[in-house]
Structure formats: C-alpha cells, structure tokens
Amino acid sequence: MLFVYGTLLDEKNTFGVYLKSNSTFLQKGRFKGRLYDIGQYPGAIADASADTYVYGAILNMHNPFAALKELDAYEGVGKAHPQPNEYIRNILSIEAGDRLLNCWVYLYNWPIDDRLPILNGDYLQYINTQEQ
C-alpha cells in the first residue's frame, strides 16, 4: 500500500494519472507529522510526538514493484539521484479510521528551516486556497 499526500493526488499530474490507473483508492488516512510548502509541491516530515497530522489517501498498488520504481524516479529516490535524496521512501503506520495500515510514504529529507508550514496538513486544500 502507498500513502500519498501531495502532487500524486492531483489528477492533472502525470504521475497522479499513472497512479490512478495503476492502483485502487482504499480510503483517506493520516499520520502524525508536519507538512511544508516546498515550492511546486509539499514535503512531509513524520513526527510521532507532533500534535498535527498530514492528510492524504491510501492506495493499493496493482503492481507495487513497478509502481514504486516509477515513483522513486519521480520523487528522486535512489543512488542515481543527487545525494542526499530530497525524499526518502519509508513504511509508516497510517491511521485509517479505527485501524492502522502500514504504507509506503515519501518523506521530505532536506532541511525545512526556510519552508512555510502547511498548518492544516492538507495539501490539496492548501493549494486550492492559494489559487483563490
């Protein structure tokens, strides 16, 4: 399973389109952490002690190996990309209603000192308010 919280939720994004046709939406979810505006996309930091959440969607990938290979390239994850990678792919426990699901998540891996926090933890809601 994969948890997405940013541009991969956007059906106008090439990789969002890829995910929509190569996975099945299971349900909405969240994890404790902080979300930041990185520019044209968000970055999430997991923090179990945070009093804020990052919100997104849980997807069941039809072919996880192929999908993660495509998404690693999109997110710049792996030895072929500049080090340290901007994102890292980890497994997190995602709150999904009354249960926890272990999902792959792309987490931001660079300093966030000068990044604007997205306080509500919901990237799509945030960009919709920015466009108004």
C-alpha atoms as a PDB file:
ATOM      1  CA  MET A   1       0.000   0.000   0.000  1.00  0.00           C
ATOM      2  CA  LEU A   2       1.018   3.587  -0.629  1.00  0.00           C
ATOM      3  CA  PHE A   3       0.054   6.767   1.215  1.00  0.00           C
ATOM      4  CA  VAL A   4       0.069   9.925  -0.919  1.00  0.00           C
ATOM      5  CA  TYR A   5      -0.405  13.465   0.358  1.00  0.00           C
ATOM      6  CA  GLY A   6       0.715  15.879  -2.360  1.00  0.00           C
ATOM      7  CA  THR A   7       1.030  16.219  -6.112  1.00  0.00           C
ATOM      8  CA  LEU A   8       0.351  12.498  -6.583  1.00  0.00           C
ATOM      9  CA  LEU A   9      -3.254  13.277  -5.541  1.00  0.00           C
ATOM     10  CA  ASP A  10      -3.568  15.722  -8.446  1.00  0.00           C
ATOM     11  CA  GLU A  11      -5.274  14.113 -11.427  1.00  0.00           C
ATOM     12  CA  LYS A  12      -3.569  16.680 -13.718  1.00  0.00           C
ATOM     13  CA  ASN A  13      -0.143  15.449 -12.626  1.00  0.00           C
ATOM     14  CA  THR A  14       1.350  12.832 -14.978  1.00  0.00           C
ATOM     15  CA  PHE A  15       2.274  10.534 -12.097  1.00  0.00           C
ATOM     16  CA  GLY A  16      -1.093  11.166 -10.423  1.00  0.00           C
ATOM     17  CA  VAL A  17      -2.686   9.877 -13.630  1.00  0.00           C
ATOM     18  CA  TYR A  18      -0.278   6.917 -13.590  1.00  0.00           C
ATOM     19  CA  LEU A  19      -1.264   6.078 -10.008  1.00  0.00           C
ATOM     20  CA  LYS A  20      -4.972   6.394 -10.722  1.00  0.00           C
ATOM     21  CA  SER A  21      -4.722   3.809 -13.493  1.00  0.00           C
ATOM     22  CA  ASN A  22      -2.295   1.531 -11.605  1.00  0.00           C
ATOM     23  CA  SER A  23      -3.824   1.482  -8.136  1.00  0.00           C
ATOM     24  CA  THR A  24      -7.111   1.403  -6.278  1.00  0.00           C
ATOM     25  CA  PHE A  25      -8.159   4.025  -3.749  1.00  0.00           C
ATOM     26  CA  LEU A  26      -8.768   2.356  -0.372  1.00  0.00           C
ATOM     27  CA  GLN A  27      -9.569   5.247   1.928  1.00  0.00           C
ATOM     28  CA  LYS A  28      -8.379   8.518   3.348  1.00  0.00           C
ATOM     29  CA  GLY A  29      -5.726   8.431   6.035  1.00  0.00           C
ATOM     30  CA  ARG A  30      -3.350  10.485   8.143  1.00  0.00           C
ATOM     31  CA  PHE A  31      -0.137  10.291  10.143  1.00  0.00           C
ATOM     32  CA  LYS A  32       1.338  12.442  12.890  1.00  0.00           C
ATOM     33  CA  GLY A  33       3.768  14.920  11.442  1.00  0.00           C
ATOM     34  CA  ARG A  34       4.198  18.243   9.702  1.00  0.00           C
ATOM     35  CA  LEU A  35       3.614  19.333   6.120  1.00  0.00           C
ATOM     36  CA  TYR A  36       5.587  22.070   4.341  1.00  0.00           C
ATOM     37  CA  ASP A  37       5.288  24.088   1.151  1.00  0.00           C
ATOM     38  CA  ILE A  38       8.458  23.258  -0.790  1.00  0.00           C
ATOM     39  CA  GLY A  39       7.501  25.383  -3.811  1.00  0.00           C
ATOM     40  CA  GLN A  40       5.634  23.486  -6.518  1.00  0.00           C
ATOM     41  CA  TYR A  41       4.961  20.556  -4.192  1.00  0.00           C
ATOM     42  CA  PRO A  42       4.793  19.676  -0.485  1.00  0.00           C
ATOM     43  CA  GLY A  43       7.135  17.825   1.819  1.00  0.00           C
ATOM     44  CA  ALA A  44       6.035  15.819   4.853  1.00  0.00           C
ATOM     45  CA  ILE A  45       8.011  15.048   7.975  1.00  0.00           C
ATOM     46  CA  ALA A  46       6.812  12.191  10.197  1.00  0.00           C
ATOM     47  CA  ASP A  47       6.864  13.021  13.909  1.00  0.00           C
ATOM     48  CA  ALA A  48       5.056  10.732  16.336  1.00  0.00           C
ATOM     49  CA  SER A  49       5.193  13.438  19.028  1.00  0.00           C
ATOM     50  CA  ALA A  50       3.550  16.106  16.832  1.00  0.00           C
ATOM     51  CA  ASP A  51       0.101  17.411  17.632  1.00  0.00           C
ATOM     52  CA  THR A  52      -0.549  17.897  13.905  1.00  0.00           C
ATOM     53  CA  TYR A  53      -1.290  15.463  11.086  1.00  0.00           C
ATOM     54  CA  VAL A  54      -0.529  15.014   7.400  1.00  0.00           C
ATOM     55  CA  TYR A  55      -3.669  14.016   5.471  1.00  0.00           C
ATOM     56  CA  GLY A  56      -3.875  12.037   2.270  1.00  0.00           C
ATOM     57  CA  ALA A  57      -5.057   8.885   0.542  1.00  0.00           C
ATOM     58  CA  ILE A  58      -4.202   5.221   0.919  1.00  0.00           C
ATOM     59  CA  LEU A  59      -3.833   3.390  -2.379  1.00  0.00           C
ATOM     60  CA  ASN A  60      -3.480  -0.301  -3.126  1.00  0.00           C
ATOM     61  CA  MET A  61      -0.924  -0.554  -5.947  1.00  0.00           C
ATOM     62  CA  HIS A  62      -1.747  -3.174  -8.593  1.00  0.00           C
ATOM     63  CA  ASN A  63       1.949  -3.925  -9.203  1.00  0.00           C
ATOM     64  CA  PRO A  64       3.904  -2.459  -6.261  1.00  0.00           C
ATOM     65  CA  PHE A  65       7.357  -3.254  -7.660  1.00  0.00           C
ATOM     66  CA  ALA A  66       6.693  -1.446 -10.971  1.00  0.00           C
ATOM     67  CA  ALA A  67       4.793   1.423  -9.341  1.00  0.00           C
ATOM     68  CA  LEU A  68       7.463   2.100  -6.725  1.00  0.00           C
ATOM     69  CA  LYS A  69      10.152   2.048  -9.408  1.00  0.00           C
ATOM     70  CA  GLU A  70       8.242   4.735 -11.357  1.00  0.00           C
ATOM     71  CA  LEU A  71       7.530   6.764  -8.231  1.00  0.00           C
ATOM     72  CA  ASP A  72      11.127   6.549  -6.981  1.00  0.00           C
ATOM     73  CA  ALA A  73      12.210   8.130 -10.268  1.00  0.00           C
ATOM     74  CA  TYR A  74       9.546  10.863  -9.911  1.00  0.00           C
ATOM     75  CA  GLU A  75      10.489  11.578  -6.285  1.00  0.00           C
ATOM     76  CA  GLY A  76      14.236  11.420  -6.980  1.00  0.00           C
ATOM     77  CA  VAL A  77      14.828   8.486  -4.641  1.00  0.00           C
ATOM     78  CA  GLY A  78      17.809   6.180  -5.078  1.00  0.00           C
ATOM     79  CA  LYS A  79      21.517   6.121  -5.844  1.00  0.00           C
ATOM     80  CA  ALA A  80      21.015   7.506  -9.365  1.00  0.00           C
ATOM     81  CA  HIS A  81      19.785  10.813  -7.920  1.00  0.00           C
ATOM     82  CA  PRO A  82      21.714  13.590  -6.109  1.00  0.00           C
ATOM     83  CA  GLN A  83      22.617  12.686  -2.546  1.00  0.00           C
ATOM     84  CA  PRO A  84      21.191  13.158  -0.076  1.00  0.00           C
ATOM     85  CA  ASN A  85      17.893  12.491  -1.837  1.00  0.00           C
ATOM     86  CA  GLU A  86      15.248  15.184  -1.384  1.00  0.00           C
ATOM     87  CA  TYR A  87      12.782  12.447  -0.420  1.00  0.00           C
ATOM     88  CA  ILE A  88      13.137   9.072   1.231  1.00  0.00           C
ATOM     89  CA  ARG A  89      10.647   6.228   0.980  1.00  0.00           C
ATOM     90  CA  ASN A  90       9.693   4.695   4.338  1.00  0.00           C
ATOM     91  CA  ILE A  91       6.962   2.491   5.704  1.00  0.00           C
ATOM     92  CA  LEU A  92       4.734   4.279   8.213  1.00  0.00           C
ATOM     93  CA  SER A  93       1.685   3.260  10.182  1.00  0.00           C
ATOM     94  CA  ILE A  94      -1.139   5.306   8.693  1.00  0.00           C
ATOM     95  CA  GLU A  95      -4.302   5.984  10.678  1.00  0.00           C
ATOM     96  CA  ALA A  96      -7.188   4.733   8.563  1.00  0.00           C
ATOM     97  CA  GLY A  97     -10.367   5.166  10.557  1.00  0.00           C
ATOM     98  CA  ASP A  98     -10.146   2.829  13.539  1.00  0.00           C
ATOM     99  CA  ARG A  99      -7.156   0.842  12.272  1.00  0.00           C
ATOM    100  CA  LEU A 100      -3.507   1.313  11.353  1.00  0.00           C
ATOM    101  CA  LEU A 101      -2.194   0.328   7.916  1.00  0.00           C
ATOM    102  CA  ASN A 102       1.496   0.029   7.063  1.00  0.00           C
ATOM    103  CA  CYS A 103       2.078   2.030   3.889  1.00  0.00           C
ATOM    104  CA  TRP A 104       4.972   3.291   1.834  1.00  0.00           C
ATOM    105  CA  VAL A 105       5.298   7.088   2.140  1.00  0.00           C
ATOM    106  CA  TYR A 106       7.681   9.543   0.503  1.00  0.00           C
ATOM    107  CA  LEU A 107       9.005  11.804   3.275  1.00  0.00           C
ATOM    108  CA  TYR A 108      10.924  15.038   2.856  1.00  0.00           C
ATOM    109  CA  ASN A 109      14.626  14.604   3.625  1.00  0.00           C
ATOM    110  CA  TRP A 110      16.124  18.106   3.324  1.00  0.00           C
ATOM    111  CA  PRO A 111      16.165  20.965   5.884  1.00  0.00           C
ATOM    112  CA  ILE A 112      12.835  22.724   6.392  1.00  0.00           C
ATOM    113  CA  ASP A 113      14.215  25.826   8.135  1.00  0.00           C
ATOM    114  CA  ASP A 114      13.029  28.286   5.479  1.00  0.00           C
ATOM    115  CA  ARG A 115       9.935  26.352   4.370  1.00  0.00           C
ATOM    116  CA  LEU A 116       6.404  27.549   5.021  1.00  0.00           C
ATOM    117  CA  PRO A 117       4.387  25.103   7.144  1.00  0.00           C
ATOM    118  CA  ILE A 118       1.010  23.946   5.840  1.00  0.00           C
ATOM    119  CA  LEU A 119      -0.719  24.082   9.185  1.00  0.00           C
ATOM    120  CA  ASN A 120      -3.874  22.139   8.309  1.00  0.00           C
ATOM    121  CA  GLY A 121      -1.800  19.231   6.925  1.00  0.00           C
ATOM    122  CA  ASP A 122      -3.939  19.003   3.769  1.00  0.00           C
ATOM    123  CA  TYR A 123      -2.014  19.898   0.597  1.00  0.00           C
ATOM    124  CA  LEU A 124      -4.939  19.918  -1.851  1.00  0.00           C
ATOM    125  CA  GLN A 125      -6.964  22.182   0.419  1.00  0.00           C
ATOM    126  CA  TYR A 126      -3.915  24.414   0.840  1.00  0.00           C
ATOM    127  CA  ILE A 127      -3.262  24.844  -2.890  1.00  0.00           C
ATOM    128  CA  ASN A 128      -6.950  25.496  -3.537  1.00  0.00           C
ATOM    129  CA  THR A 129      -6.862  28.405  -1.057  1.00  0.00           C
ATOM    130  CA  GLN A 130      -3.593  29.698  -2.616  1.00  0.00           C
ATOM    131  CA  GLU A 131      -5.182  29.800  -6.094  1.00  0.00           C
ATOM    132  CA  GLN A 132      -8.110  31.966  -4.934  1.00  0.00           C
END
